[in-house]
Amino acid sequence: MKVTGCSVDGATGWPAAKLLITNRAERQFSYMVTVEFVDASGTRIGTGVAAENKLAAGQAARATAQGFVKASGKIKCRVTDVQRYSL
């Protein structure tokens, strides 16, 4: 999992993390990724979740983890949990 972007939406004030989710396994899996949003002082201001279903072996997908708590200024986005499962 890689965070490829981290920003606050100018219209809503909500934080969002753009992710690249890659299935490095040798078979199909689905993924759920949890991201935390942290302000400049290091305080956690919220979380967001992104999911991608049925990624084939070696396949990558772009996803967005959206927060729903207002944020302002510069933020950081960190992956805190990844769950991989087969459907």
C-alpha atoms as a PDB file:
ATOM      1  CA  MET A   1       0.000   0.000   0.000  1.00  0.00           C
ATOM      2  CA  LYS A   2       1.293   3.393  -0.906  1.00  0.00           C
ATOM      3  CA  VAL A   3      -0.086   6.854  -0.146  1.00  0.00           C
ATOM      4  CA  THR A   4       0.233   8.802  -3.400  1.00  0.00           C
ATOM      5  CA  GLY A   5      -1.553  11.972  -2.281  1.00  0.00           C
ATOM      6  CA  CYS A   6      -2.808  13.637   0.884  1.00  0.00           C
ATOM      7  CA  SER A   7      -4.947  16.774   0.879  1.00  0.00           C
ATOM      8  CA  VAL A   8      -7.894  18.668   2.311  1.00  0.00           C
ATOM      9  CA  ASP A   9     -10.796  19.292  -0.085  1.00  0.00           C
ATOM     10  CA  GLY A  10     -11.253  23.041  -0.516  1.00  0.00           C
ATOM     11  CA  ALA A  11     -15.047  22.804  -0.765  1.00  0.00           C
ATOM     12  CA  THR A  12     -15.857  20.373   2.077  1.00  0.00           C
ATOM     13  CA  GLY A  13     -12.800  20.737   4.319  1.00  0.00           C
ATOM     14  CA  TRP A  14     -12.584  16.934   4.505  1.00  0.00           C
ATOM     15  CA  PRO A  15      -9.217  15.161   4.318  1.00  0.00           C
ATOM     16  CA  ALA A  16      -8.531  12.525   1.676  1.00  0.00           C
ATOM     17  CA  ALA A  17      -5.710  10.110   0.963  1.00  0.00           C
ATOM     18  CA  LYS A  18      -5.072   8.810  -2.530  1.00  0.00           C
ATOM     19  CA  LEU A  19      -3.754   5.244  -2.430  1.00  0.00           C
ATOM     20  CA  LEU A  20      -2.141   2.734  -4.732  1.00  0.00           C
ATOM     21  CA  ILE A  21      -3.187  -0.751  -3.624  1.00  0.00           C
ATOM     22  CA  THR A  22      -1.089  -3.557  -5.121  1.00  0.00           C
ATOM     23  CA  ASN A  23      -1.776  -7.270  -4.809  1.00  0.00           C
ATOM     24  CA  ARG A  24       1.668  -8.850  -4.617  1.00  0.00           C
ATOM     25  CA  ALA A  25       0.249 -12.304  -3.894  1.00  0.00           C
ATOM     26  CA  GLU A  26       0.056 -15.142  -6.388  1.00  0.00           C
ATOM     27  CA  ARG A  27      -3.744 -15.259  -6.308  1.00  0.00           C
ATOM     28  CA  GLN A  28      -6.740 -12.916  -6.197  1.00  0.00           C
ATOM     29  CA  PHE A  29      -7.441 -10.961  -2.998  1.00  0.00           C
ATOM     30  CA  SER A  30      -9.611  -8.071  -1.840  1.00  0.00           C
ATOM     31  CA  TYR A  31      -8.227  -5.297   0.365  1.00  0.00           C
ATOM     32  CA  MET A  32      -9.510  -2.881   2.987  1.00  0.00           C
ATOM     33  CA  VAL A  33      -7.094  -0.078   3.936  1.00  0.00           C
ATOM     34  CA  THR A  34      -7.516   2.247   6.935  1.00  0.00           C
ATOM     35  CA  VAL A  35      -5.788   5.633   6.887  1.00  0.00           C
ATOM     36  CA  GLU A  36      -5.406   8.151   9.708  1.00  0.00           C
ATOM     37  CA  PHE A  37      -5.275  11.891   9.107  1.00  0.00           C
ATOM     38  CA  VAL A  38      -2.894  13.844  11.346  1.00  0.00           C
ATOM     39  CA  ASP A  39      -2.574  17.633  11.666  1.00  0.00           C
ATOM     40  CA  ALA A  40       0.677  19.619  11.755  1.00  0.00           C
ATOM     41  CA  SER A  41       0.984  19.210  15.540  1.00  0.00           C
ATOM     42  CA  GLY A  42       0.746  15.413  15.248  1.00  0.00           C
ATOM     43  CA  THR A  43      -2.815  15.192  16.562  1.00  0.00           C
ATOM     44  CA  ARG A  44      -5.035  12.584  14.929  1.00  0.00           C
ATOM     45  CA  ILE A  45      -8.037  14.336  13.395  1.00  0.00           C
ATOM     46  CA  GLY A  46      -9.816  11.369  11.859  1.00  0.00           C
ATOM     47  CA  THR A  47      -9.689   8.216   9.777  1.00  0.00           C
ATOM     48  CA  GLY A  48     -10.831   7.014   6.387  1.00  0.00           C
ATOM     49  CA  VAL A  49     -11.208   3.643   4.683  1.00  0.00           C
ATOM     50  CA  ALA A  50     -10.695   2.495   1.103  1.00  0.00           C
ATOM     51  CA  ALA A  51     -11.544  -0.912  -0.337  1.00  0.00           C
ATOM     52  CA  GLU A  52     -10.707  -2.727  -3.550  1.00  0.00           C
ATOM     53  CA  ASN A  53     -12.365  -6.023  -4.386  1.00  0.00           C
ATOM     54  CA  LYS A  54     -10.974  -8.974  -6.303  1.00  0.00           C
ATOM     55  CA  LEU A  55      -7.555  -7.670  -7.339  1.00  0.00           C
ATOM     56  CA  ALA A  56      -5.886 -10.282  -9.524  1.00  0.00           C
ATOM     57  CA  ALA A  57      -2.358 -11.468  -8.749  1.00  0.00           C
ATOM     58  CA  GLY A  58       0.044  -8.618  -9.527  1.00  0.00           C
ATOM     59  CA  GLN A  59      -2.777  -6.153 -10.208  1.00  0.00           C
ATOM     60  CA  ALA A  60      -2.803  -2.613  -8.785  1.00  0.00           C
ATOM     61  CA  ALA A  61      -5.692  -0.201  -8.279  1.00  0.00           C
ATOM     62  CA  ARG A  62      -6.035   3.429  -7.243  1.00  0.00           C
ATOM     63  CA  ALA A  63      -8.435   4.252  -4.415  1.00  0.00           C
ATOM     64  CA  THR A  64      -9.317   7.138  -2.106  1.00  0.00           C
ATOM     65  CA  ALA A  65      -9.763   6.990   1.665  1.00  0.00           C
ATOM     66  CA  GLN A  66     -12.068   9.872   2.596  1.00  0.00           C
ATOM     67  CA  GLY A  67     -12.323  11.439   6.042  1.00  0.00           C
ATOM     68  CA  PHE A  68     -15.533  13.099   7.209  1.00  0.00           C
ATOM     69  CA  VAL A  69     -14.230  15.454   9.906  1.00  0.00           C
ATOM     70  CA  LYS A  70     -13.255  19.002   8.950  1.00  0.00           C
ATOM     71  CA  ALA A  71      -9.524  19.628   8.684  1.00  0.00           C
ATOM     72  CA  SER A  72      -7.473  22.668   7.823  1.00  0.00           C
ATOM     73  CA  GLY A  73      -3.879  23.456   7.043  1.00  0.00           C
ATOM     74  CA  LYS A  74      -1.254  20.900   6.247  1.00  0.00           C
ATOM     75  CA  ILE A  75      -2.083  17.283   7.109  1.00  0.00           C
ATOM     76  CA  LYS A  76      -0.344  13.924   6.915  1.00  0.00           C
ATOM     77  CA  CYS A  77      -1.955  10.665   5.822  1.00  0.00           C
ATOM     78  CA  ARG A  78      -0.715   7.362   7.236  1.00  0.00           C
ATOM     79  CA  VAL A  79      -1.834   3.806   6.534  1.00  0.00           C
ATOM     80  CA  THR A  80      -2.663   2.240   9.910  1.00  0.00           C
ATOM     81  CA  ASP A  81      -4.206  -1.084   8.898  1.00  0.00           C
ATOM     82  CA  VAL A  82      -4.479  -3.320   5.845  1.00  0.00           C
ATOM     83  CA  GLN A  83      -6.818  -6.290   5.712  1.00  0.00           C
ATOM     84  CA  ARG A  84      -6.471  -8.786   2.891  1.00  0.00           C
ATOM     85  CA  TYR A  85      -9.151 -11.372   2.311  1.00  0.00           C
ATOM     86  CA  SER A  86     -10.483 -13.666  -0.389  1.00  0.00           C
ATOM     87  CA  LEU A  87     -14.100 -13.546  -1.502  1.00  0.00           C
END
